[in-house]
Amino acid sequence: METFHTPPLAALLLASPVLADSIPVSPAQHGLFDRSALPPEAQGFALLGADGGTGLKALPYSALPLRLLSGTAFFCTDCAGTGQPVFFNGSAWVDASGTGAKHP
């Protein structure tokens, strides 16, 4: 008589991985928004242009939020005199070199 071996459930699940790209996620769940699809108050920190380009949301230094994850980036419109990308380090806004953002 022939016997059949049934693999454990964990082995079956590992044998057929689900790729993150195959799981549908709405724009509201991942923080990136097309600038024309949702109202401005719903936009995330990155903007997706109609031409396929991407950009950082631009704000003056006084409007940059102070309760964000470390590494969050914005374009500070009045930093360094002409504007520059800034990053939140967990307690302050810094430029790419880690120096405090210079603003008026």
Protein backbone atom coordinates (compact mmCIF):
# COMPACT_ATOMS: atom_id res chain seq x y z
CA MET A 1 0.00 0.00 0.00
CA GLU A 2 1.25 3.46 -0.92
CA THR A 3 1.37 6.24 1.72
CA PHE A 4 1.28 9.95 1.10
CA HIS A 5 3.10 12.53 3.13
CA THR A 6 1.30 15.86 3.69
CA PRO A 7 3.70 18.74 4.39
CA PRO A 8 2.94 21.00 7.36
CA LEU A 9 0.97 24.17 6.71
CA ALA A 10 4.00 26.42 7.28
CA ALA A 11 5.89 24.62 4.50
CA LEU A 12 2.98 25.15 2.12
CA LEU A 13 2.83 28.85 2.93
CA LEU A 14 6.56 29.32 2.44
CA ALA A 15 6.45 27.48 -0.86
CA SER A 16 4.14 30.09 -2.38
CA PRO A 17 5.26 33.53 -1.23
CA VAL A 18 3.05 36.55 -1.78
CA LEU A 19 4.93 39.53 -3.18
CA ALA A 20 4.22 42.91 -1.62
CA ASP A 21 3.55 44.35 -5.10
CA SER A 22 0.71 41.89 -5.59
CA ILE A 23 -1.24 43.12 -2.55
CA PRO A 24 -3.54 45.99 -3.53
CA VAL A 25 -2.90 49.09 -1.42
CA SER A 26 -4.80 52.32 -1.88
CA PRO A 27 -2.84 55.59 -2.08
CA ALA A 28 -4.37 56.63 1.25
CA GLN A 29 -2.65 53.69 2.94
CA HIS A 30 0.91 54.33 1.75
CA GLY A 31 1.16 58.11 2.03
CA LEU A 32 1.86 58.97 -1.61
CA PHE A 33 -0.79 60.81 -3.54
CA ASP A 34 -1.35 62.09 -7.04
CA ARG A 35 -1.69 65.85 -6.57
CA SER A 36 -4.90 66.01 -8.57
CA ALA A 37 -6.69 62.89 -7.30
CA LEU A 38 -7.23 63.86 -3.65
CA PRO A 39 -7.84 67.14 -1.83
CA PRO A 40 -4.71 69.02 -0.63
CA GLU A 41 -5.32 68.12 3.03
CA ALA A 42 -5.05 64.42 2.14
CA GLN A 43 -1.72 64.68 0.31
CA GLY A 44 1.34 62.97 1.72
CA PHE A 45 4.92 64.22 1.83
CA ALA A 46 5.68 63.13 -1.75
CA LEU A 47 3.93 64.35 -4.88
CA LEU A 48 3.39 62.37 -8.06
CA GLY A 49 3.20 64.47 -11.20
CA ALA A 50 1.09 63.72 -14.25
CA ASP A 51 4.32 63.33 -16.24
CA GLY A 52 5.52 60.53 -13.95
CA GLY A 53 7.93 62.70 -11.98
CA THR A 54 8.06 62.81 -8.20
CA GLY A 55 8.84 65.60 -5.78
CA LEU A 56 8.84 66.53 -2.12
CA LYS A 57 6.00 68.58 -0.71
CA ALA A 58 7.21 72.19 -0.36
CA LEU A 59 6.57 74.13 2.85
CA PRO A 60 8.13 77.15 4.56
CA TYR A 61 10.15 76.32 7.68
CA SER A 62 7.42 77.66 9.98
CA ALA A 63 4.93 75.11 8.56
CA LEU A 64 7.16 72.02 8.87
CA PRO A 65 5.57 69.56 11.32
CA LEU A 66 7.48 68.43 14.43
CA ARG A 67 5.87 65.03 15.08
CA LEU A 68 7.15 62.77 12.31
CA LEU A 69 9.23 59.66 11.85
CA SER A 70 12.97 60.19 11.64
CA GLY A 71 14.07 60.50 8.02
CA THR A 72 10.90 62.19 6.75
CA ALA A 73 11.80 64.74 4.05
CA PHE A 74 10.22 67.97 2.80
CA PHE A 75 11.43 70.79 0.59
CA CYS A 76 11.84 73.85 2.83
CA THR A 77 11.03 76.86 0.63
CA ASP A 78 12.83 79.43 2.80
CA CYS A 79 15.76 77.40 4.19
CA ALA A 80 19.30 78.37 3.13
CA GLY A 81 17.93 81.49 1.47
CA THR A 82 16.75 79.80 -1.72
CA GLY A 83 15.15 76.60 -0.41
CA GLN A 84 16.54 73.11 0.12
CA PRO A 85 15.49 69.56 1.03
CA VAL A 86 15.33 69.03 4.80
CA PHE A 87 15.05 65.87 6.87
CA PHE A 88 13.55 65.27 10.30
CA ASN A 89 16.09 63.57 12.61
CA GLY A 90 13.61 62.81 15.39
CA SER A 91 13.90 66.17 17.13
CA ALA A 92 14.87 68.81 14.56
CA TRP A 93 14.98 69.61 10.84
CA VAL A 94 18.44 69.18 9.30
CA ASP A 95 19.95 69.49 5.83
CA ALA A 96 21.56 66.59 3.95
CA SER A 97 24.83 67.00 5.88
CA GLY A 98 23.03 66.73 9.24
CA THR A 99 23.48 70.41 10.08
CA GLY A 100 20.45 72.23 11.49
CA ALA A 101 18.34 73.76 8.73
CA LYS A 102 19.15 77.46 8.27
CA HIS A 103 15.98 79.51 7.98
CA PRO A 104 14.87 83.12 8.47
